[in-house]
Amino acid sequence: MSENDELASWVESRRLIIAQLSARDGSIRELANRIDKFNDLSRDRTAELAKEGQAGLAELRMRVGMLELRAKLWGALLGVVGGVLATGIGQLMFTAMRLK
């Protein structure tokens, strides 16, 4: 009977090992499902942040464009004013030269 007891003990230990492996397999599958859900949520959040970032960049580009346009307009205005002043001074000088 000693051999039967050893065989029964061996079979029982194998059953326990299989039960433990099955439990671990279930835990691993559950963990894999959680990781997949986290990856999906992370991917969605990343896409949302990218959209927000693109909208912010578009707004920033528009502001920069407006500032550049404003600077060009001021430059043109100063150019016109400078031209008018130069023309006025030139005419004053030629008028003064004619009067002499």
PDB file of N, CA and C in Angstrom:
ATOM      1  N   MET A   1       0.806  -1.188   0.000  1.00  0.00           N
ATOM      2  CA  MET A   1       0.000   0.000   0.000  1.00  0.00           C
ATOM      3  C   MET A   1       0.848   1.251   0.000  1.00  0.00           C
ATOM      4  N   SER A   2       2.044   1.110   0.306  1.00  0.00           N
ATOM      5  CA  SER A   2       2.937   2.249   0.331  1.00  0.00           C
ATOM      6  C   SER A   2       3.074   2.870  -1.053  1.00  0.00           C
ATOM      7  N   GLU A   3       3.124   2.016  -2.065  1.00  0.00           N
ATOM      8  CA  GLU A   3       3.223   2.530  -3.429  1.00  0.00           C
ATOM      9  C   GLU A   3       1.944   3.256  -3.817  1.00  0.00           C
ATOM     10  N   ASN A   4       0.802   2.728  -3.400  1.00  0.00           N
ATOM     11  CA  ASN A   4      -0.480   3.385  -3.685  1.00  0.00           C
ATOM     12  C   ASN A   4      -0.558   4.743  -2.987  1.00  0.00           C
ATOM     13  N   ASP A   5      -0.057   4.812  -1.751  1.00  0.00           N
ATOM     14  CA  ASP A   5      -0.059   6.083  -1.018  1.00  0.00           C
ATOM     15  C   ASP A   5       0.859   7.100  -1.703  1.00  0.00           C
ATOM     16  N   GLU A   6       2.026   6.619  -2.162  1.00  0.00           N
ATOM     17  CA  GLU A   6       2.943   7.517  -2.869  1.00  0.00           C
ATOM     18  C   GLU A   6       2.327   8.005  -4.175  1.00  0.00           C
ATOM     19  N   LEU A   7       1.692   7.096  -4.898  1.00  0.00           N
ATOM     20  CA  LEU A   7       1.044   7.465  -6.155  1.00  0.00           C
ATOM     21  C   LEU A   7      -0.092   8.452  -5.902  1.00  0.00           C
ATOM     22  N   ALA A   8      -0.872   8.179  -4.874  1.00  0.00           N
ATOM     23  CA  ALA A   8      -1.979   9.083  -4.531  1.00  0.00           C
ATOM     24  C   ALA A   8      -1.432  10.442  -4.106  1.00  0.00           C
ATOM     25  N   SER A   9      -0.360  10.451  -3.373  1.00  0.00           N
ATOM     26  CA  SER A   9       0.256  11.709  -2.958  1.00  0.00           C
ATOM     27  C   SER A   9       0.802  12.469  -4.163  1.00  0.00           C
ATOM     28  N   TRP A  10       1.423  11.735  -5.061  1.00  0.00           N
ATOM     29  CA  TRP A  10       1.976  12.361  -6.270  1.00  0.00           C
ATOM     30  C   TRP A  10       0.857  12.957  -7.117  1.00  0.00           C
ATOM     31  N   VAL A  11      -0.229  12.192  -7.310  1.00  0.00           N
ATOM     32  CA  VAL A  11      -1.386  12.671  -8.098  1.00  0.00           C
ATOM     33  C   VAL A  11      -1.987  13.896  -7.425  1.00  0.00           C
ATOM     34  N   GLU A  12      -2.125  13.869  -6.106  1.00  0.00           N
ATOM     35  CA  GLU A  12      -2.703  15.004  -5.373  1.00  0.00           C
ATOM     36  C   GLU A  12      -1.817  16.241  -5.499  1.00  0.00           C
ATOM     37  N   SER A  13      -0.494  16.063  -5.435  1.00  0.00           N
ATOM     38  CA  SER A  13       0.401  17.214  -5.582  1.00  0.00           C
ATOM     39  C   SER A  13       0.296  17.792  -6.988  1.00  0.00           C
ATOM     40  N   ARG A  14       0.140  16.908  -7.984  1.00  0.00           N
ATOM     41  CA  ARG A  14      -0.019  17.398  -9.364  1.00  0.00           C
ATOM     42  C   ARG A  14      -1.337  18.154  -9.516  1.00  0.00           C
ATOM     43  N   ARG A  15      -2.375  17.683  -8.866  1.00  0.00           N
ATOM     44  CA  ARG A  15      -3.670  18.375  -8.914  1.00  0.00           C
ATOM     45  C   ARG A  15      -3.548  19.768  -8.284  1.00  0.00           C
ATOM     46  N   LEU A  16      -2.852  19.851  -7.178  1.00  0.00           N
ATOM     47  CA  LEU A  16      -2.653  21.147  -6.526  1.00  0.00           C
ATOM     48  C   LEU A  16      -1.841  22.087  -7.419  1.00  0.00           C
ATOM     49  N   ILE A  17      -0.800  21.549  -8.049  1.00  0.00           N
ATOM     50  CA  ILE A  17       0.018  22.362  -8.954  1.00  0.00           C
ATOM     51  C   ILE A  17      -0.832  22.864 -10.115  1.00  0.00           C
ATOM     52  N   ILE A  18      -1.649  21.979 -10.692  1.00  0.00           N
ATOM     53  CA  ILE A  18      -2.515  22.369 -11.815  1.00  0.00           C
ATOM     54  C   ILE A  18      -3.524  23.424 -11.359  1.00  0.00           C
ATOM     55  N   ALA A  19      -4.082  23.266 -10.161  1.00  0.00           N
ATOM     56  CA  ALA A  19      -5.043  24.255  -9.637  1.00  0.00           C
ATOM     57  C   ALA A  19      -4.363  25.608  -9.440  1.00  0.00           C
ATOM     58  N   GLN A  20      -3.141  25.595  -8.917  1.00  0.00           N
ATOM     59  CA  GLN A  20      -2.409  26.856  -8.732  1.00  0.00           C
ATOM     60  C   GLN A  20      -2.088  27.507 -10.077  1.00  0.00           C
ATOM     61  N   LEU A  21      -1.674  26.693 -11.038  1.00  0.00           N
ATOM     62  CA  LEU A  21      -1.385  27.244 -12.370  1.00  0.00           C
ATOM     63  C   LEU A  21      -2.639  27.805 -13.027  1.00  0.00           C
ATOM     64  N   SER A  22      -3.753  27.142 -12.845  1.00  0.00           N
ATOM     65  CA  SER A  22      -5.020  27.641 -13.392  1.00  0.00           C
ATOM     66  C   SER A  22      -5.400  28.977 -12.759  1.00  0.00           C
ATOM     67  N   ALA A  23      -5.212  29.078 -11.435  1.00  0.00           N
ATOM     68  CA  ALA A  23      -5.523  30.333 -10.746  1.00  0.00           C
ATOM     69  C   ALA A  23      -4.601  31.448 -11.237  1.00  0.00           C
ATOM     70  N   ARG A  24      -3.329  31.132 -11.413  1.00  0.00           N
ATOM     71  CA  ARG A  24      -2.388  32.137 -11.919  1.00  0.00           C
ATOM     72  C   ARG A  24      -2.724  32.534 -13.339  1.00  0.00           C
ATOM     73  N   ASP A  25      -3.143  31.555 -14.139  1.00  0.00           N
ATOM     74  CA  ASP A  25      -3.529  31.860 -15.519  1.00  0.00           C
ATOM     75  C   ASP A  25      -4.704  32.833 -15.538  1.00  0.00           C
ATOM     76  N   GLY A  26      -5.675  32.604 -14.662  1.00  0.00           N
ATOM     77  CA  GLY A  26      -6.819  33.521 -14.571  1.00  0.00           C
ATOM     78  C   GLY A  26      -6.382  34.915 -14.150  1.00  0.00           C
ATOM     79  N   SER A  27      -5.471  34.992 -13.191  1.00  0.00           N
ATOM     80  CA  SER A  27      -4.973  36.296 -12.734  1.00  0.00           C
ATOM     81  C   SER A  27      -4.215  37.005 -13.842  1.00  0.00           C
ATOM     82  N   ILE A  28      -3.439  36.236 -14.591  1.00  0.00           N
ATOM     83  CA  ILE A  28      -2.674  36.833 -15.693  1.00  0.00           C
ATOM     84  C   ILE A  28      -3.618  37.348 -16.771  1.00  0.00           C
ATOM     85  N   ARG A  29      -4.654  36.589 -17.073  1.00  0.00           N
ATOM     86  CA  ARG A  29      -5.636  37.047 -18.081  1.00  0.00           C
ATOM     87  C   ARG A  29      -6.357  38.319 -17.608  1.00  0.00           C
ATOM     88  N   GLU A  30      -6.712  38.344 -16.326  1.00  0.00           N
ATOM     89  CA  GLU A  30      -7.367  39.538 -15.777  1.00  0.00           C
ATOM     90  C   GLU A  30      -6.441  40.749 -15.854  1.00  0.00           C
ATOM     91  N   LEU A  31      -5.190  40.530 -15.516  1.00  0.00           N
ATOM     92  CA  LEU A  31      -4.214  41.613 -15.601  1.00  0.00           C
ATOM     93  C   LEU A  31      -4.023  42.069 -17.046  1.00  0.00           C
ATOM     94  N   ALA A  32      -3.991  41.131 -17.972  1.00  0.00           N
ATOM     95  CA  ALA A  32      -3.863  41.485 -19.395  1.00  0.00           C
ATOM     96  C   ALA A  32      -5.064  42.309 -19.856  1.00  0.00           C
ATOM     97  N   ASN A  33      -6.264  41.956 -19.389  1.00  0.00           N
ATOM     98  CA  ASN A  33      -7.456  42.734 -19.739  1.00  0.00           C
ATOM     99  C   ASN A  33      -7.380  44.144 -19.184  1.00  0.00           C
ATOM    100  N   ARG A  34      -6.908  44.273 -17.958  1.00  0.00           N
ATOM    101  CA  ARG A  34      -6.760  45.606 -17.361  1.00  0.00           C
ATOM    102  C   ARG A  34      -5.737  46.437 -18.136  1.00  0.00           C
ATOM    103  N   ILE A  35      -4.640  45.801 -18.520  1.00  0.00           N
ATOM    104  CA  ILE A  35      -3.603  46.515 -19.290  1.00  0.00           C
ATOM    105  C   ILE A  35      -4.166  46.966 -20.627  1.00  0.00           C
ATOM    106  N   ASP A  36      -4.941  46.106 -21.295  1.00  0.00           N
ATOM    107  CA  ASP A  36      -5.554  46.475 -22.573  1.00  0.00           C
ATOM    108  C   ASP A  36      -6.504  47.659 -22.414  1.00  0.00           C
ATOM    109  N   LYS A  37      -7.315  47.636 -21.343  1.00  0.00           N
ATOM    110  CA  LYS A  37      -8.235  48.755 -21.090  1.00  0.00           C
ATOM    111  C   LYS A  37      -7.452  50.043 -20.837  1.00  0.00           C
ATOM    112  N   PHE A  38      -6.381  49.934 -20.043  1.00  0.00           N
ATOM    113  CA  PHE A  38      -5.549  51.105 -19.765  1.00  0.00           C
ATOM    114  C   PHE A  38      -4.918  51.636 -21.047  1.00  0.00           C
ATOM    115  N   ASN A  39      -4.447  50.741 -21.907  1.00  0.00           N
ATOM    116  CA  ASN A  39      -3.859  51.164 -23.184  1.00  0.00           C
ATOM    117  C   ASN A  39      -4.888  51.874 -24.058  1.00  0.00           C
ATOM    118  N   ASP A  40      -6.106  51.341 -24.088  1.00  0.00           N
ATOM    119  CA  ASP A  40      -7.167  51.978 -24.870  1.00  0.00           C
ATOM    120  C   ASP A  40      -7.481  53.372 -24.340  1.00  0.00           C
ATOM    121  N   LEU A  41      -7.603  53.483 -23.006  1.00  0.00           N
ATOM    122  CA  LEU A  41      -7.881  54.792 -22.411  1.00  0.00           C
ATOM    123  C   LEU A  41      -6.730  55.765 -22.656  1.00  0.00           C
ATOM    124  N   SER A  42      -5.504  55.266 -22.557  1.00  0.00           N
ATOM    125  CA  SER A  42      -4.338  56.116 -22.796  1.00  0.00           C
ATOM    126  C   SER A  42      -4.308  56.591 -24.251  1.00  0.00           C
ATOM    127  N   ARG A  43      -4.615  55.696 -25.167  1.00  0.00           N
ATOM    128  CA  ARG A  43      -4.627  56.053 -26.579  1.00  0.00           C
ATOM    129  C   ARG A  43      -5.686  57.117 -26.856  1.00  0.00           C
ATOM    130  N   ASP A  44      -6.881  56.940 -26.268  1.00  0.00           N
ATOM    131  CA  ASP A  44      -7.948  57.926 -26.454  1.00  0.00           C
ATOM    132  C   ASP A  44      -7.561  59.276 -25.866  1.00  0.00           C
ATOM    133  N   ARG A  45      -6.983  59.260 -24.681  1.00  0.00           N
ATOM    134  CA  ARG A  45      -6.590  60.519 -24.022  1.00  0.00           C
ATOM    135  C   ARG A  45      -5.482  61.207 -24.816  1.00  0.00           C
ATOM    136  N   THR A  46      -4.558  60.421 -25.349  1.00  0.00           N
ATOM    137  CA  THR A  46      -3.486  60.993 -26.165  1.00  0.00           C
ATOM    138  C   THR A  46      -4.059  61.648 -27.415  1.00  0.00           C
ATOM    139  N   ALA A  47      -5.040  61.003 -28.027  1.00  0.00           N
ATOM    140  CA  ALA A  47      -5.673  61.583 -29.218  1.00  0.00           C
ATOM    141  C   ALA A  47      -6.374  62.894 -28.859  1.00  0.00           C
ATOM    142  N   GLU A  48      -7.060  62.932 -27.712  1.00  0.00           N
ATOM    143  CA  GLU A  48      -7.726  64.161 -27.275  1.00  0.00           C
ATOM    144  C   GLU A  48      -6.717  65.277 -27.039  1.00  0.00           C
ATOM    145  N   LEU A  49      -5.616  64.937 -26.363  1.00  0.00           N
ATOM    146  CA  LEU A  49      -4.590  65.944 -26.101  1.00  0.00           C
ATOM    147  C   LEU A  49      -3.968  66.451 -27.392  1.00  0.00           C
ATOM    148  N   ALA A  50      -3.782  65.563 -28.350  1.00  0.00           N
ATOM    149  CA  ALA A  50      -3.215  65.980 -29.638  1.00  0.00           C
ATOM    150  C   ALA A  50      -4.159  66.947 -30.349  1.00  0.00           C
ATOM    151  N   LYS A  51      -5.460  66.658 -30.295  1.00  0.00           N
ATOM    152  CA  LYS A  51      -6.433  67.564 -30.920  1.00  0.00           C
ATOM    153  C   LYS A  51      -6.416  68.925 -30.237  1.00  0.00           C
ATOM    154  N   GLU A  52      -6.367  68.919 -28.905  1.00  0.00           N
ATOM    155  CA  GLU A  52      -6.311  70.185 -28.164  1.00  0.00           C
ATOM    156  C   GLU A  52      -5.039  70.950 -28.497  1.00  0.00           C
ATOM    157  N   GLY A  53      -3.939  70.219 -28.610  1.00  0.00           N
ATOM    158  CA  GLY A  53      -2.660  70.850 -28.949  1.00  0.00           C
ATOM    159  C   GLY A  53      -2.697  71.456 -30.337  1.00  0.00           C
ATOM    160  N   GLN A  54      -3.317  70.757 -31.287  1.00  0.00           N
ATOM    161  CA  GLN A  54      -3.409  71.292 -32.650  1.00  0.00           C
ATOM    162  C   GLN A  54      -4.274  72.542 -32.680  1.00  0.00           C
ATOM    163  N   ALA A  55      -5.358  72.529 -31.916  1.00  0.00           N
ATOM    164  CA  ALA A  55      -6.212  73.719 -31.862  1.00  0.00           C
ATOM    165  C   ALA A  55      -5.445  74.885 -31.253  1.00  0.00           C
ATOM    166  N   GLY A  56      -4.688  74.606 -30.200  1.00  0.00           N
ATOM    167  CA  GLY A  56      -3.884  75.658 -29.576  1.00  0.00           C
ATOM    168  C   GLY A  56      -2.823  76.189 -30.519  1.00  0.00           C
ATOM    169  N   LEU A  57      -2.196  75.297 -31.285  1.00  0.00           N
ATOM    170  CA  LEU A  57      -1.184  75.733 -32.253  1.00  0.00           C
ATOM    171  C   LEU A  57      -1.809  76.577 -33.351  1.00  0.00           C
ATOM    172  N   ALA A  58      -2.990  76.191 -33.806  1.00  0.00           N
ATOM    173  CA  ALA A  58      -3.663  76.971 -34.845  1.00  0.00           C
ATOM    174  C   ALA A  58      -3.978  78.379 -34.330  1.00  0.00           C
ATOM    175  N   GLU A  59      -4.460  78.458 -33.094  1.00  0.00           N
ATOM    176  CA  GLU A  59      -4.754  79.763 -32.508  1.00  0.00           C
ATOM    177  C   GLU A  59      -3.482  80.593 -32.352  1.00  0.00           C
ATOM    178  N   LEU A  60      -2.413  79.952 -31.921  1.00  0.00           N
ATOM    179  CA  LEU A  60      -1.142  80.649 -31.765  1.00  0.00           C
ATOM    180  C   LEU A  60      -0.622  81.144 -33.106  1.00  0.00           C
ATOM    181  N   ARG A  61      -0.728  80.326 -34.130  1.00  0.00           N
ATOM    182  CA  ARG A  61      -0.293  80.742 -35.474  1.00  0.00           C
ATOM    183  C   ARG A  61      -1.113  81.933 -35.960  1.00  0.00           C
ATOM    184  N   MET A  62      -2.419  81.912 -35.654  1.00  0.00           N
ATOM    185  CA  MET A  62      -3.269  83.024 -36.070  1.00  0.00           C
ATOM    186  C   MET A  62      -2.850  84.309 -35.357  1.00  0.00           C
ATOM    187  N   ARG A  63      -2.563  84.206 -34.069  1.00  0.00           N
ATOM    188  CA  ARG A  63      -2.123  85.388 -33.323  1.00  0.00           C
ATOM    189  C   ARG A  63      -0.801  85.920 -33.864  1.00  0.00           C
ATOM    190  N   VAL A  64       0.126  85.002 -34.144  1.00  0.00           N
ATOM    191  CA  VAL A  64       1.415  85.423 -34.700  1.00  0.00           C
ATOM    192  C   VAL A  64       1.206  86.092 -36.049  1.00  0.00           C
ATOM    193  N   GLY A  65       0.340  85.530 -36.867  1.00  0.00           N
ATOM    194  CA  GLY A  65       0.034  86.135 -38.167  1.00  0.00           C
ATOM    195  C   GLY A  65      -0.552  87.531 -38.018  1.00  0.00           C
ATOM    196  N   MET A  66      -1.444  87.702 -37.058  1.00  0.00           N
ATOM    197  CA  MET A  66      -2.033  89.020 -36.832  1.00  0.00           C
ATOM    198  C   MET A  66      -0.973  90.017 -36.365  1.00  0.00           C
ATOM    199  N   LEU A  67      -0.075  89.574 -35.489  1.00  0.00           N
ATOM    200  CA  LEU A  67       0.991  90.467 -35.025  1.00  0.00           C
ATOM    201  C   LEU A  67       1.930  90.836 -36.168  1.00  0.00           C
ATOM    202  N   GLU A  68       2.235  89.863 -37.033  1.00  0.00           N
ATOM    203  CA  GLU A  68       3.087  90.166 -38.189  1.00  0.00           C
ATOM    204  C   GLU A  68       2.406  91.162 -39.116  1.00  0.00           C
ATOM    205  N   LEU A  69       1.104  90.979 -39.339  1.00  0.00           N
ATOM    206  CA  LEU A  69       0.361  91.907 -40.193  1.00  0.00           C
ATOM    207  C   LEU A  69       0.340  93.302 -39.576  1.00  0.00           C
ATOM    208  N   ARG A  70       0.124  93.361 -38.270  1.00  0.00           N
ATOM    209  CA  ARG A  70       0.123  94.646 -37.584  1.00  0.00           C
ATOM    210  C   ARG A  70       1.491  95.324 -37.714  1.00  0.00           C
ATOM    211  N   ALA A  71       2.563  94.548 -37.567  1.00  0.00           N
ATOM    212  CA  ALA A  71       3.904  95.110 -37.701  1.00  0.00           C
ATOM    213  C   ALA A  71       4.139  95.619 -39.118  1.00  0.00           C
ATOM    214  N   LYS A  72       3.662  94.879 -40.107  1.00  0.00           N
ATOM    215  CA  LYS A  72       3.814  95.330 -41.498  1.00  0.00           C
ATOM    216  C   LYS A  72       3.027  96.616 -41.751  1.00  0.00           C
ATOM    217  N   LEU A  73       1.822  96.675 -41.183  1.00  0.00           N
ATOM    218  CA  LEU A  73       1.028  97.897 -41.359  1.00  0.00           C
ATOM    219  C   LEU A  73       1.708  99.095 -40.714  1.00  0.00           C
ATOM    220  N   TRP A  74       2.259  98.899 -39.505  1.00  0.00           N
ATOM    221  CA  TRP A  74       2.973  99.991 -38.852  1.00  0.00           C
ATOM    222  C   TRP A  74       4.205 100.382 -39.652  1.00  0.00           C
ATOM    223  N   GLY A  75       4.892  99.397 -40.195  1.00  0.00           N
ATOM    224  CA  GLY A  75       6.058  99.685 -41.025  1.00  0.00           C
ATOM    225  C   GLY A  75       5.667 100.482 -42.258  1.00  0.00           C
ATOM    226  N   ALA A  76       4.558 100.093 -42.888  1.00  0.00           N
ATOM    227  CA  ALA A  76       4.089 100.821 -44.068  1.00  0.00           C
ATOM    228  C   ALA A  76       3.673 102.237 -43.693  1.00  0.00           C
ATOM    229  N   LEU A  77       2.976 102.387 -42.571  1.00  0.00           N
ATOM    230  CA  LEU A  77       2.548 103.706 -42.122  1.00  0.00           C
ATOM    231  C   LEU A  77       3.755 104.600 -41.851  1.00  0.00           C
ATOM    232  N   LEU A  78       4.755 104.043 -41.160  1.00  0.00           N
ATOM    233  CA  LEU A  78       5.966 104.827 -40.897  1.00  0.00           C
ATOM    234  C   LEU A  78       6.688 105.180 -42.198  1.00  0.00           C
ATOM    235  N   GLY A  79       6.668 104.274 -43.156  1.00  0.00           N
ATOM    236  CA  GLY A  79       7.272 104.559 -44.456  1.00  0.00           C
ATOM    237  C   GLY A  79       6.566 105.691 -45.171  1.00  0.00           C
ATOM    238  N   VAL A  80       5.236 105.685 -45.129  1.00  0.00           N
ATOM    239  CA  VAL A  80       4.462 106.754 -45.772  1.00  0.00           C
ATOM    240  C   VAL A  80       4.721 108.073 -45.069  1.00  0.00           C
ATOM    241  N   VAL A  81       4.685 108.061 -43.731  1.00  0.00           N
ATOM    242  CA  VAL A  81       4.938 109.287 -42.973  1.00  0.00           C
ATOM    243  C   VAL A  81       6.345 109.797 -43.267  1.00  0.00           C
ATOM    244  N   GLY A  82       7.323 108.886 -43.281  1.00  0.00           N
ATOM    245  CA  GLY A  82       8.700 109.285 -43.596  1.00  0.00           C
ATOM    246  C   GLY A  82       8.816 109.863 -44.996  1.00  0.00           C
ATOM    247  N   GLY A  83       8.118 109.244 -45.949  1.00  0.00           N
ATOM    248  CA  GLY A  83       8.137 109.772 -47.321  1.00  0.00           C
ATOM    249  C   GLY A  83       7.508 111.140 -47.419  1.00  0.00           C
ATOM    250  N   VAL A  84       6.386 111.327 -46.728  1.00  0.00           N
ATOM    251  CA  VAL A  84       5.714 112.634 -46.735  1.00  0.00           C
ATOM    252  C   VAL A  84       6.624 113.686 -46.107  1.00  0.00           C
ATOM    253  N   LEU A  85       7.242 113.342 -44.984  1.00  0.00           N
ATOM    254  CA  LEU A  85       8.146 114.298 -44.345  1.00  0.00           C
ATOM    255  C   LEU A  85       9.338 114.626 -45.247  1.00  0.00           C
ATOM    256  N   ALA A  86       9.892 113.612 -45.874  1.00  0.00           N
ATOM    257  CA  ALA A  86      11.039 113.849 -46.755  1.00  0.00           C
ATOM    258  C   ALA A  86      10.632 114.717 -47.937  1.00  0.00           C
ATOM    259  N   THR A  87       9.457 114.455 -48.479  1.00  0.00           N
ATOM    260  CA  THR A  87       8.970 115.276 -49.596  1.00  0.00           C
ATOM    261  C   THR A  87       8.734 116.709 -49.155  1.00  0.00           C
ATOM    262  N   GLY A  88       8.123 116.858 -47.972  1.00  0.00           N
ATOM    263  CA  GLY A  88       7.867 118.208 -47.451  1.00  0.00           C
ATOM    264  C   GLY A  88       9.158 118.970 -47.194  1.00  0.00           C
ATOM    265  N   ILE A  89      10.124 118.302 -46.593  1.00  0.00           N
ATOM    266  CA  ILE A  89      11.408 118.949 -46.317  1.00  0.00           C
ATOM    267  C   ILE A  89      12.112 119.290 -47.616  1.00  0.00           C
ATOM    268  N   GLY A  90      12.035 118.380 -48.577  1.00  0.00           N
ATOM    269  CA  GLY A  90      12.646 118.649 -49.887  1.00  0.00           C
ATOM    270  C   GLY A  90      12.013 119.841 -50.574  1.00  0.00           C
ATOM    271  N   GLN A  91      10.704 119.905 -50.537  1.00  0.00           N
ATOM    272  CA  GLN A  91      10.027 121.034 -51.149  1.00  0.00           C
ATOM    273  C   GLN A  91      10.360 122.330 -50.430  1.00  0.00           C
ATOM    274  N   LEU A  92      10.446 122.273 -49.098  1.00  0.00           N
ATOM    275  CA  LEU A  92      10.835 123.466 -48.354  1.00  0.00           C
ATOM    276  C   LEU A  92      12.242 123.909 -48.743  1.00  0.00           C
ATOM    277  N   MET A  93      13.130 122.960 -48.913  1.00  0.00           N
ATOM    278  CA  MET A  93      14.511 123.300 -49.284  1.00  0.00           C
ATOM    279  C   MET A  93      14.546 123.893 -50.689  1.00  0.00           C
ATOM    280  N   PHE A  94      13.814 123.296 -51.632  1.00  0.00           N
ATOM    281  CA  PHE A  94      13.825 123.843 -53.003  1.00  0.00           C
ATOM    282  C   PHE A  94      13.159 125.216 -53.044  1.00  0.00           C
ATOM    283  N   THR A  95      12.103 125.388 -52.255  1.00  0.00           N
ATOM    284  CA  THR A  95      11.449 126.696 -52.196  1.00  0.00           C
ATOM    285  C   THR A  95      12.393 127.723 -51.602  1.00  0.00           C
ATOM    286  N   ALA A  96      13.122 127.339 -50.568  1.00  0.00           N
ATOM    287  CA  ALA A  96      14.059 128.266 -49.939  1.00  0.00           C
ATOM    288  C   ALA A  96      15.188 128.604 -50.921  1.00  0.00           C
ATOM    289  N   MET A  97      15.621 127.630 -51.714  1.00  0.00           N
ATOM    290  CA  MET A  97      16.688 127.868 -52.683  1.00  0.00           C
ATOM    291  C   MET A  97      16.188 128.808 -53.815  1.00  0.00           C
ATOM    292  N   ARG A  98      14.931 128.680 -54.198  1.00  0.00           N
ATOM    293  CA  ARG A  98      14.400 129.534 -55.262  1.00  0.00           C
ATOM    294  C   ARG A  98      14.239 130.970 -54.792  1.00  0.00           C
ATOM    295  N   LEU A  99      13.925 131.108 -53.516  1.00  0.00           N
ATOM    296  CA  LEU A  99      13.691 132.457 -53.002  1.00  0.00           C
ATOM    297  C   LEU A  99      14.996 133.230 -52.843  1.00  0.00           C
ATOM    298  N   LYS A 100      16.099 132.581 -52.795  1.00  0.00           N
ATOM    299  CA  LYS A 100      17.379 133.262 -52.623  1.00  0.00           C
ATOM    300  C   LYS A 100      17.788 133.922 -53.842  1.00  0.00           C
TER     301      LYS A 100
END
